[in-house]
PDB file of all heavy atoms in Angstrom:
ATOM      1  N   ARG A   1     -72.644  24.004  -2.630  1.00  0.00           N
ATOM      2  CA  ARG A   1     -72.908  24.385  -4.021  1.00  0.00           C
ATOM      3  C   ARG A   1     -72.194  23.450  -4.991  1.00  0.00           C
ATOM      4  O   ARG A   1     -72.737  23.095  -6.034  1.00  0.00           O
ATOM      5  CB  ARG A   1     -72.463  25.831  -4.273  1.00  0.00           C
ATOM      6  CG  ARG A   1     -73.597  26.801  -4.388  1.00  0.00           C
ATOM      7  CD  ARG A   1     -73.205  28.182  -4.893  1.00  0.00           C
ATOM      8  NE  ARG A   1     -71.899  28.671  -4.510  1.00  0.00           N
ATOM      9  CZ  ARG A   1     -71.609  29.281  -3.357  1.00  0.00           C
ATOM     10  NH1 ARG A   1     -72.558  29.469  -2.473  1.00  0.00           N
ATOM     11  NH2 ARG A   1     -70.397  29.706  -3.111  1.00  0.00           N
ATOM     12  N   HIS A   2     -70.969  23.059  -4.652  1.00  0.00           N
ATOM     13  CA  HIS A   2     -70.213  22.134  -5.513  1.00  0.00           C
ATOM     14  C   HIS A   2     -70.982  20.833  -5.721  1.00  0.00           C
ATOM     15  O   HIS A   2     -71.078  20.330  -6.837  1.00  0.00           O
ATOM     16  CB  HIS A   2     -68.849  21.843  -4.883  1.00  0.00           C
ATOM     17  CG  HIS A   2     -68.093  20.750  -5.561  1.00  0.00           C
ATOM     18  ND1 HIS A   2     -67.356  20.963  -6.711  1.00  0.00           N
ATOM     19  CD2 HIS A   2     -67.969  19.429  -5.272  1.00  0.00           C
ATOM     20  CE1 HIS A   2     -66.812  19.817  -7.094  1.00  0.00           C
ATOM     21  NE2 HIS A   2     -67.163  18.876  -6.241  1.00  0.00           N
ATOM     22  N   TRP A   3     -71.531  20.283  -4.662  1.00  0.00           N
ATOM     23  CA  TRP A   3     -72.207  18.982  -4.746  1.00  0.00           C
ATOM     24  C   TRP A   3     -73.649  19.073  -5.210  1.00  0.00           C
ATOM     25  O   TRP A   3     -74.140  18.156  -5.882  1.00  0.00           O
ATOM     26  CB  TRP A   3     -72.145  18.261  -3.392  1.00  0.00           C
ATOM     27  CG  TRP A   3     -70.742  17.940  -3.001  1.00  0.00           C
ATOM     28  CD1 TRP A   3     -70.019  18.501  -1.979  1.00  0.00           C
ATOM     29  CD2 TRP A   3     -69.858  17.018  -3.635  1.00  0.00           C
ATOM     30  NE1 TRP A   3     -68.760  17.981  -1.959  1.00  0.00           N
ATOM     31  CE2 TRP A   3     -68.627  17.067  -2.964  1.00  0.00           C
ATOM     32  CE3 TRP A   3     -69.979  16.156  -4.732  1.00  0.00           C
ATOM     33  CZ2 TRP A   3     -67.526  16.288  -3.326  1.00  0.00           C
ATOM     34  CZ3 TRP A   3     -68.887  15.372  -5.088  1.00  0.00           C
ATOM     35  CH2 TRP A   3     -67.681  15.444  -4.391  1.00  0.00           C
ATOM     36  N   PHE A   4     -74.346  20.141  -4.861  1.00  0.00           N
ATOM     37  CA  PHE A   4     -75.787  20.206  -5.117  1.00  0.00           C
ATOM     38  C   PHE A   4     -76.210  21.301  -6.099  1.00  0.00           C
ATOM     39  O   PHE A   4     -77.387  21.414  -6.424  1.00  0.00           O
ATOM     40  CB  PHE A   4     -76.554  20.361  -3.800  1.00  0.00           C
ATOM     41  CG  PHE A   4     -76.261  19.252  -2.819  1.00  0.00           C
ATOM     42  CD1 PHE A   4     -75.500  19.491  -1.691  1.00  0.00           C
ATOM     43  CD2 PHE A   4     -76.715  17.967  -3.050  1.00  0.00           C
ATOM     44  CE1 PHE A   4     -75.211  18.470  -0.798  1.00  0.00           C
ATOM     45  CE2 PHE A   4     -76.432  16.938  -2.165  1.00  0.00           C
ATOM     46  CZ  PHE A   4     -75.670  17.195  -1.035  1.00  0.00           C
ATOM     47  N   GLY A   5     -75.273  22.128  -6.531  1.00  0.00           N
ATOM     48  CA  GLY A   5     -75.571  23.129  -7.538  1.00  0.00           C
ATOM     49  C   GLY A   5     -76.332  24.351  -7.055  1.00  0.00           C
ATOM     50  O   GLY A   5     -76.803  25.151  -7.857  1.00  0.00           O
ATOM     51  N   ARG A   6     -76.451  24.507  -5.743  1.00  0.00           N
ATOM     52  CA  ARG A   6     -77.142  25.674  -5.193  1.00  0.00           C
ATOM     53  C   ARG A   6     -76.679  25.912  -3.764  1.00  0.00           C
ATOM     54  O   ARG A   6     -76.152  25.021  -3.122  1.00  0.00           O
ATOM     55  CB  ARG A   6     -78.654  25.488  -5.212  1.00  0.00           C
ATOM     56  CG  ARG A   6     -79.134  24.318  -4.386  1.00  0.00           C
ATOM     57  CD  ARG A   6     -80.657  24.133  -4.485  1.00  0.00           C
ATOM     58  NE  ARG A   6     -81.078  22.947  -3.787  1.00  0.00           N
ATOM     59  CZ  ARG A   6     -81.272  22.851  -2.480  1.00  0.00           C
ATOM     60  NH1 ARG A   6     -81.072  23.889  -1.710  1.00  0.00           N
ATOM     61  NH2 ARG A   6     -81.660  21.721  -1.933  1.00  0.00           N
ATOM     62  N   SER A   7     -76.921  27.105  -3.285  1.00  0.00           N
ATOM     63  CA  SER A   7     -76.605  27.463  -1.905  1.00  0.00           C
ATOM     64  C   SER A   7     -77.719  26.951  -0.999  1.00  0.00           C
ATOM     65  O   SER A   7     -78.878  26.931  -1.391  1.00  0.00           O
ATOM     66  CB  SER A   7     -76.494  28.980  -1.785  1.00  0.00           C
ATOM     67  OG  SER A   7     -76.362  29.363  -0.445  1.00  0.00           O
ATOM     68  N   PHE A   8     -77.381  26.529   0.187  1.00  0.00           N
ATOM     69  CA  PHE A   8     -78.429  26.120   1.120  1.00  0.00           C
ATOM     70  C   PHE A   8     -78.895  27.285   1.974  1.00  0.00           C
ATOM     71  O   PHE A   8     -79.890  27.179   2.659  1.00  0.00           O
ATOM     72  CB  PHE A   8     -77.987  24.952   2.014  1.00  0.00           C
ATOM     73  CG  PHE A   8     -76.917  25.295   3.007  1.00  0.00           C
ATOM     74  CD1 PHE A   8     -77.224  25.815   4.251  1.00  0.00           C
ATOM     75  CD2 PHE A   8     -75.599  25.077   2.699  1.00  0.00           C
ATOM     76  CE1 PHE A   8     -76.244  26.107   5.161  1.00  0.00           C
ATOM     77  CE2 PHE A   8     -74.597  25.385   3.603  1.00  0.00           C
ATOM     78  CZ  PHE A   8     -74.925  25.907   4.832  1.00  0.00           C
ATOM     79  N   ALA A   9     -78.184  28.400   1.921  1.00  0.00           N
ATOM     80  CA  ALA A   9     -78.495  29.487   2.841  1.00  0.00           C
ATOM     81  C   ALA A   9     -78.754  30.826   2.180  1.00  0.00           C
ATOM     82  O   ALA A   9     -78.904  31.815   2.863  1.00  0.00           O
ATOM     83  CB  ALA A   9     -77.349  29.629   3.827  1.00  0.00           C
ATOM     84  N   GLY A  10     -78.764  30.857   0.891  1.00  0.00           N
ATOM     85  CA  GLY A  10     -78.968  32.150   0.248  1.00  0.00           C
ATOM     86  C   GLY A  10     -77.649  32.838  -0.003  1.00  0.00           C
ATOM     87  O   GLY A  10     -76.682  32.219  -0.406  1.00  0.00           O
ATOM     88  N   ASP A  11     -77.574  34.120   0.299  1.00  0.00           N
ATOM     89  CA  ASP A  11     -76.374  34.885  -0.030  1.00  0.00           C
ATOM     90  C   ASP A  11     -75.298  34.804   1.053  1.00  0.00           C
ATOM     91  O   ASP A  11     -75.511  34.270   2.128  1.00  0.00           O
ATOM     92  CB  ASP A  11     -76.735  36.342  -0.315  1.00  0.00           C
ATOM     93  CG  ASP A  11     -77.402  37.014   0.861  1.00  0.00           C
ATOM     94  OD1 ASP A  11     -76.984  36.771   2.004  1.00  0.00           O
ATOM     95  OD2 ASP A  11     -78.340  37.795   0.639  1.00  0.00           O
ATOM     96  N   ALA A  12     -74.149  35.351   0.733  1.00  0.00           N
ATOM     97  CA  ALA A  12     -73.003  35.309   1.645  1.00  0.00           C
ATOM     98  C   ALA A  12     -73.261  36.084   2.931  1.00  0.00           C
ATOM     99  O   ALA A  12     -72.591  35.858   3.937  1.00  0.00           O
ATOM    100  CB  ALA A  12     -71.768  35.848   0.940  1.00  0.00           C
ATOM    101  N   ASP A  13     -74.218  36.995   2.926  1.00  0.00           N
ATOM    102  CA  ASP A  13     -74.529  37.765   4.127  1.00  0.00           C
ATOM    103  C   ASP A  13     -75.346  36.962   5.135  1.00  0.00           C
ATOM    104  O   ASP A  13     -75.718  37.479   6.180  1.00  0.00           O
ATOM    105  CB  ASP A  13     -75.291  39.038   3.757  1.00  0.00           C
ATOM    106  CG  ASP A  13     -74.427  40.000   2.965  1.00  0.00           C
ATOM    107  OD1 ASP A  13     -73.193  39.972   3.160  1.00  0.00           O
ATOM    108  OD2 ASP A  13     -74.975  40.750   2.151  1.00  0.00           O
ATOM    109  N   ALA A  14     -75.608  35.712   4.836  1.00  0.00           N
ATOM    110  CA  ALA A  14     -76.405  34.872   5.721  1.00  0.00           C
ATOM    111  C   ALA A  14     -75.600  34.263   6.855  1.00  0.00           C
ATOM    112  O   ALA A  14     -76.154  33.574   7.699  1.00  0.00           O
ATOM    113  CB  ALA A  14     -77.066  33.759   4.910  1.00  0.00           C
ATOM    114  N   SER A  15     -74.313  34.522   6.927  1.00  0.00           N
ATOM    115  CA  SER A  15     -73.456  33.895   7.941  1.00  0.00           C
ATOM    116  C   SER A  15     -73.963  34.090   9.359  1.00  0.00           C
ATOM    117  O   SER A  15     -74.017  33.148  10.143  1.00  0.00           O
ATOM    118  CB  SER A  15     -72.029  34.422   7.841  1.00  0.00           C
ATOM    119  OG  SER A  15     -71.458  34.071   6.631  1.00  0.00           O
ATOM    120  N   ASP A  16     -74.304  35.318   9.707  1.00  0.00           N
ATOM    121  CA  ASP A  16     -74.761  35.591  11.069  1.00  0.00           C
ATOM    122  C   ASP A  16     -76.077  34.872  11.343  1.00  0.00           C
ATOM    123  O   ASP A  16     -76.255  34.274  12.406  1.00  0.00           O
ATOM    124  CB  ASP A  16     -74.902  37.099  11.292  1.00  0.00           C
ATOM    125  CG  ASP A  16     -75.118  37.427  12.747  1.00  0.00           C
ATOM    126  OD1 ASP A  16     -74.244  37.073  13.564  1.00  0.00           O
ATOM    127  OD2 ASP A  16     -76.170  38.024  13.074  1.00  0.00           O
ATOM    128  N   TRP A  17     -77.003  34.895  10.385  1.00  0.00           N
ATOM    129  CA  TRP A  17     -78.282  34.190  10.546  1.00  0.00           C
ATOM    130  C   TRP A  17     -78.048  32.692  10.719  1.00  0.00           C
ATOM    131  O   TRP A  17     -78.649  32.069  11.583  1.00  0.00           O
ATOM    132  CB  TRP A  17     -79.190  34.452   9.351  1.00  0.00           C
ATOM    133  CG  TRP A  17     -80.490  33.710   9.446  1.00  0.00           C
ATOM    134  CD1 TRP A  17     -81.613  34.110  10.109  1.00  0.00           C
ATOM    135  CD2 TRP A  17     -80.786  32.429   8.901  1.00  0.00           C
ATOM    136  NE1 TRP A  17     -82.593  33.148  10.003  1.00  0.00           N
ATOM    137  CE2 TRP A  17     -82.101  32.104   9.264  1.00  0.00           C
ATOM    138  CE3 TRP A  17     -80.065  31.512   8.133  1.00  0.00           C
ATOM    139  CZ2 TRP A  17     -82.715  30.903   8.896  1.00  0.00           C
ATOM    140  CZ3 TRP A  17     -80.667  30.321   7.771  1.00  0.00           C
ATOM    141  CH2 TRP A  17     -81.977  30.025   8.149  1.00  0.00           C
ATOM    142  N   LEU A  18     -77.186  32.118   9.881  1.00  0.00           N
ATOM    143  CA  LEU A  18     -76.884  30.688   9.973  1.00  0.00           C
ATOM    144  C   LEU A  18     -76.331  30.323  11.340  1.00  0.00           C
ATOM    145  O   LEU A  18     -76.671  29.287  11.901  1.00  0.00           O
ATOM    146  CB  LEU A  18     -75.859  30.273   8.914  1.00  0.00           C
ATOM    147  CG  LEU A  18     -76.393  29.995   7.546  1.00  0.00           C
ATOM    148  CD1 LEU A  18     -75.242  29.826   6.557  1.00  0.00           C
ATOM    149  CD2 LEU A  18     -77.252  28.752   7.562  1.00  0.00           C
ATOM    150  N   TYR A  19     -75.463  31.155  11.844  1.00  0.00           N
ATOM    151  CA  TYR A  19     -74.851  30.857  13.137  1.00  0.00           C
ATOM    152  C   TYR A  19     -75.839  31.034  14.289  1.00  0.00           C
ATOM    153  O   TYR A  19     -75.970  30.177  15.137  1.00  0.00           O
ATOM    154  CB  TYR A  19     -73.606  31.723  13.378  1.00  0.00           C
ATOM    155  CG  TYR A  19     -73.001  31.426  14.724  1.00  0.00           C
ATOM    156  CD1 TYR A  19     -72.267  30.260  14.926  1.00  0.00           C
ATOM    157  CD2 TYR A  19     -73.206  32.271  15.808  1.00  0.00           C
ATOM    158  CE1 TYR A  19     -71.747  29.957  16.174  1.00  0.00           C
ATOM    159  CE2 TYR A  19     -72.683  31.977  17.051  1.00  0.00           C
ATOM    160  CZ  TYR A  19     -71.957  30.821  17.233  1.00  0.00           C
ATOM    161  OH  TYR A  19     -71.451  30.511  18.474  1.00  0.00           O
ATOM    162  N   ARG A  20     -76.552  32.145  14.309  1.00  0.00           N
ATOM    163  CA  ARG A  20     -77.376  32.482  15.473  1.00  0.00           C
ATOM    164  C   ARG A  20     -78.824  32.002  15.414  1.00  0.00           C
ATOM    165  O   ARG A  20     -79.387  31.628  16.429  1.00  0.00           O
ATOM    166  CB  ARG A  20     -77.378  33.989  15.682  1.00  0.00           C
ATOM    167  CG  ARG A  20     -76.027  34.565  15.980  1.00  0.00           C
ATOM    168  CD  ARG A  20     -76.083  36.087  16.147  1.00  0.00           C
ATOM    169  NE  ARG A  20     -74.768  36.689  16.087  1.00  0.00           N
ATOM    170  CZ  ARG A  20     -73.845  36.591  17.026  1.00  0.00           C
ATOM    171  NH1 ARG A  20     -74.098  35.905  18.111  1.00  0.00           N
ATOM    172  NH2 ARG A  20     -72.673  37.174  16.885  1.00  0.00           N
ATOM    173  N   GLU A  21     -79.455  32.026  14.226  1.00  0.00           N
ATOM    174  CA  GLU A  21     -80.901  31.874  14.166  1.00  0.00           C
ATOM    175  C   GLU A  21     -81.424  30.700  13.352  1.00  0.00           C
ATOM    176  O   GLU A  21     -82.623  30.424  13.407  1.00  0.00           O
ATOM    177  CB  GLU A  21     -81.510  33.163  13.604  1.00  0.00           C
ATOM    178  CG  GLU A  21     -81.209  34.379  14.457  1.00  0.00           C
ATOM    179  CD  GLU A  21     -81.715  35.654  13.819  1.00  0.00           C
ATOM    180  OE1 GLU A  21     -82.806  35.622  13.216  1.00  0.00           O
ATOM    181  OE2 GLU A  21     -81.019  36.678  13.921  1.00  0.00           O
ATOM    182  N   ALA A  22     -80.584  30.053  12.584  1.00  0.00           N
ATOM    183  CA  ALA A  22     -81.068  28.964  11.721  1.00  0.00           C
ATOM    184  C   ALA A  22     -81.821  27.925  12.553  1.00  0.00           C
ATOM    185  O   ALA A  22     -81.386  27.573  13.648  1.00  0.00           O
ATOM    186  CB  ALA A  22     -79.895  28.312  10.992  1.00  0.00           C
ATOM    187  N   PRO A  23     -82.951  27.419  12.040  1.00  0.00           N
ATOM    188  CA  PRO A  23     -83.744  26.441  12.775  1.00  0.00           C
ATOM    189  C   PRO A  23     -83.195  25.020  12.655  1.00  0.00           C
ATOM    190  O   PRO A  23     -83.770  24.090  13.201  1.00  0.00           O
ATOM    191  CB  PRO A  23     -85.119  26.550  12.125  1.00  0.00           C
ATOM    192  CG  PRO A  23     -84.815  26.954  10.718  1.00  0.00           C
ATOM    193  CD  PRO A  23     -83.611  27.861  10.810  1.00  0.00           C
ATOM    194  N   PHE A  24     -82.103  24.851  11.942  1.00  0.00           N
ATOM    195  CA  PHE A  24     -81.472  23.543  11.773  1.00  0.00           C
ATOM    196  C   PHE A  24     -80.072  23.581  12.372  1.00  0.00           C
ATOM    197  O   PHE A  24     -79.451  24.636  12.499  1.00  0.00           O
ATOM    198  CB  PHE A  24     -81.398  23.169  10.286  1.00  0.00           C
ATOM    199  CG  PHE A  24     -80.801  24.238   9.412  1.00  0.00           C
ATOM    200  CD1 PHE A  24     -79.422  24.390   9.300  1.00  0.00           C
ATOM    201  CD2 PHE A  24     -81.628  25.104   8.709  1.00  0.00           C
ATOM    202  CE1 PHE A  24     -78.877  25.380   8.498  1.00  0.00           C
ATOM    203  CE2 PHE A  24     -81.093  26.097   7.903  1.00  0.00           C
ATOM    204  CZ  PHE A  24     -79.708  26.236   7.804  1.00  0.00           C
ATOM    205  N   ALA A  25     -79.597  22.408  12.754  1.00  0.00           N
ATOM    206  CA  ALA A  25     -78.231  22.293  13.263  1.00  0.00           C
ATOM    207  C   ALA A  25     -77.287  22.152  12.074  1.00  0.00           C
ATOM    208  O   ALA A  25     -77.580  21.428  11.123  1.00  0.00           O
ATOM    209  CB  ALA A  25     -78.112  21.090  14.188  1.00  0.00           C
ATOM    210  N   LEU A  26     -76.169  22.853  12.130  1.00  0.00           N
ATOM    211  CA  LEU A  26     -75.155  22.807  11.085  1.00  0.00           C
ATOM    212  C   LEU A  26     -73.804  22.623  11.753  1.00  0.00           C
ATOM    213  O   LEU A  26     -73.425  23.414  12.622  1.00  0.00           O
ATOM    214  CB  LEU A  26     -75.186  24.106  10.274  1.00  0.00           C
ATOM    215  CG  LEU A  26     -74.202  24.226   9.128  1.00  0.00           C
ATOM    216  CD1 LEU A  26     -74.476  23.164   8.049  1.00  0.00           C
ATOM    217  CD2 LEU A  26     -74.274  25.626   8.513  1.00  0.00           C
ATOM    218  N   LEU A  27     -73.114  21.547  11.375  1.00  0.00           N
ATOM    219  CA  LEU A  27     -71.811  21.221  11.944  1.00  0.00           C
ATOM    220  C   LEU A  27     -70.822  20.926  10.839  1.00  0.00           C
ATOM    221  O   LEU A  27     -71.223  20.519   9.749  1.00  0.00           O
ATOM    222  CB  LEU A  27     -71.908  19.942  12.810  1.00  0.00           C
ATOM    223  CG  LEU A  27     -72.826  19.981  13.998  1.00  0.00           C
ATOM    224  CD1 LEU A  27     -73.700  18.753  14.015  1.00  0.00           C
ATOM    225  CD2 LEU A  27     -72.001  20.035  15.251  1.00  0.00           C
ATOM    226  N   ALA A  28     -69.549  21.084  11.142  1.00  0.00           N
ATOM    227  CA  ALA A  28     -68.506  20.688  10.203  1.00  0.00           C
ATOM    228  C   ALA A  28     -67.307  20.212  10.993  1.00  0.00           C
ATOM    229  O   ALA A  28     -67.034  20.700  12.103  1.00  0.00           O
ATOM    230  CB  ALA A  28     -68.108  21.856   9.310  1.00  0.00           C
ATOM    231  N   HIS A  29     -66.610  19.226  10.425  1.00  0.00           N
ATOM    232  CA  HIS A  29     -65.341  18.810  11.025  1.00  0.00           C
ATOM    233  C   HIS A  29     -64.260  18.811   9.955  1.00  0.00           C
ATOM    234  O   HIS A  29     -64.542  18.766   8.767  1.00  0.00           O
ATOM    235  CB  HIS A  29     -65.456  17.472  11.757  1.00  0.00           C
ATOM    236  CG  HIS A  29     -65.608  16.258  10.910  1.00  0.00           C
ATOM    237  ND1 HIS A  29     -66.445  15.230  11.232  1.00  0.00           N
ATOM    238  CD2 HIS A  29     -65.004  15.858   9.757  1.00  0.00           C
ATOM    239  CE1 HIS A  29     -66.354  14.270  10.333  1.00  0.00           C
ATOM    240  NE2 HIS A  29     -65.489  14.636   9.417  1.00  0.00           N
ATOM    241  N   GLY A  30     -63.019  18.896  10.419  1.00  0.00           N
ATOM    242  CA  GLY A  30     -61.874  18.922   9.520  1.00  0.00           C
ATOM    243  C   GLY A  30     -61.544  17.538   9.003  1.00  0.00           C
ATOM    244  O   GLY A  30     -62.291  16.582   9.203  1.00  0.00           O
ATOM    245  N   ASN A  31     -60.393  17.428   8.361  1.00  0.00           N
ATOM    246  CA  ASN A  31     -60.020  16.140   7.772  1.00  0.00           C
ATOM    247  C   ASN A  31     -58.804  15.515   8.459  1.00  0.00           C
ATOM    248  O   ASN A  31     -58.035  14.807   7.834  1.00  0.00           O
ATOM    249  CB  ASN A  31     -59.809  16.274   6.259  1.00  0.00           C
ATOM    250  CG  ASN A  31     -58.686  17.227   5.902  1.00  0.00           C
ATOM    251  OD1 ASN A  31     -58.146  17.908   6.764  1.00  0.00           O
ATOM    252  ND2 ASN A  31     -58.340  17.281   4.630  1.00  0.00           N
ATOM    253  N   GLN A  32     -58.674  15.757   9.757  1.00  0.00           N
ATOM    254  CA  GLN A  32     -57.623  15.120  10.530  1.00  0.00           C
ATOM    255  C   GLN A  32     -57.870  13.602  10.594  1.00  0.00           C
ATOM    256  O   GLN A  32     -58.951  13.129  10.248  1.00  0.00           O
ATOM    257  CB  GLN A  32     -57.591  15.660  11.970  1.00  0.00           C
ATOM    258  CG  GLN A  32     -57.468  17.166  12.095  1.00  0.00           C
ATOM    259  CD  GLN A  32     -58.799  17.876  12.181  1.00  0.00           C
ATOM    260  OE1 GLN A  32     -59.843  17.402  11.731  1.00  0.00           O
ATOM    261  NE2 GLN A  32     -58.781  19.068  12.747  1.00  0.00           N
ATOM    262  N   ASP A  33     -56.880  12.849  11.049  1.00  0.00           N
ATOM    263  CA  ASP A  33     -57.060  11.403  11.213  1.00  0.00           C
ATOM    264  C   ASP A  33     -58.219  11.107  12.170  1.00  0.00           C
ATOM    265  O   ASP A  33     -58.965  10.162  11.964  1.00  0.00           O
ATOM    266  CB  ASP A  33     -55.775  10.750  11.722  1.00  0.00           C
ATOM    267  CG  ASP A  33     -54.688  10.698  10.660  1.00  0.00           C
ATOM    268  OD1 ASP A  33     -55.028  10.753   9.444  1.00  0.00           O
ATOM    269  OD2 ASP A  33     -53.510  10.612  11.028  1.00  0.00           O
ATOM    270  N   ASP A  34     -58.328  11.873  13.229  1.00  0.00           N
ATOM    271  CA  ASP A  34     -59.452  11.800  14.165  1.00  0.00           C
ATOM    272  C   ASP A  34     -60.133  13.166  14.067  1.00  0.00           C
ATOM    273  O   ASP A  34     -59.819  14.079  14.831  1.00  0.00           O
ATOM    274  CB  ASP A  34     -58.947  11.527  15.581  1.00  0.00           C
ATOM    275  CG  ASP A  34     -60.058  11.257  16.577  1.00  0.00           C
ATOM    276  OD1 ASP A  34     -61.237  11.100  16.168  1.00  0.00           O
ATOM    277  OD2 ASP A  34     -59.749  11.195  17.793  1.00  0.00           O
ATOM    278  N   PRO A  35     -61.058  13.336  13.089  1.00  0.00           N
ATOM    279  CA  PRO A  35     -61.590  14.678  12.778  1.00  0.00           C
ATOM    280  C   PRO A  35     -62.171  15.393  13.989  1.00  0.00           C
ATOM    281  O   PRO A  35     -62.850  14.796  14.821  1.00  0.00           O
ATOM    282  CB  PRO A  35     -62.681  14.389  11.745  1.00  0.00           C
ATOM    283  CG  PRO A  35     -62.313  13.075  11.161  1.00  0.00           C
ATOM    284  CD  PRO A  35     -61.666  12.301  12.274  1.00  0.00           C
TER     285      PRO A  35
END
């Protein structure tokens, strides 16, 4: 939302759907030296 001005997943209750059922892959890494 910060970068694009909108949510990519709808409301906050979408967490379970995003994790289990989303048709796209979603990944994140931290900001360690070797993330």
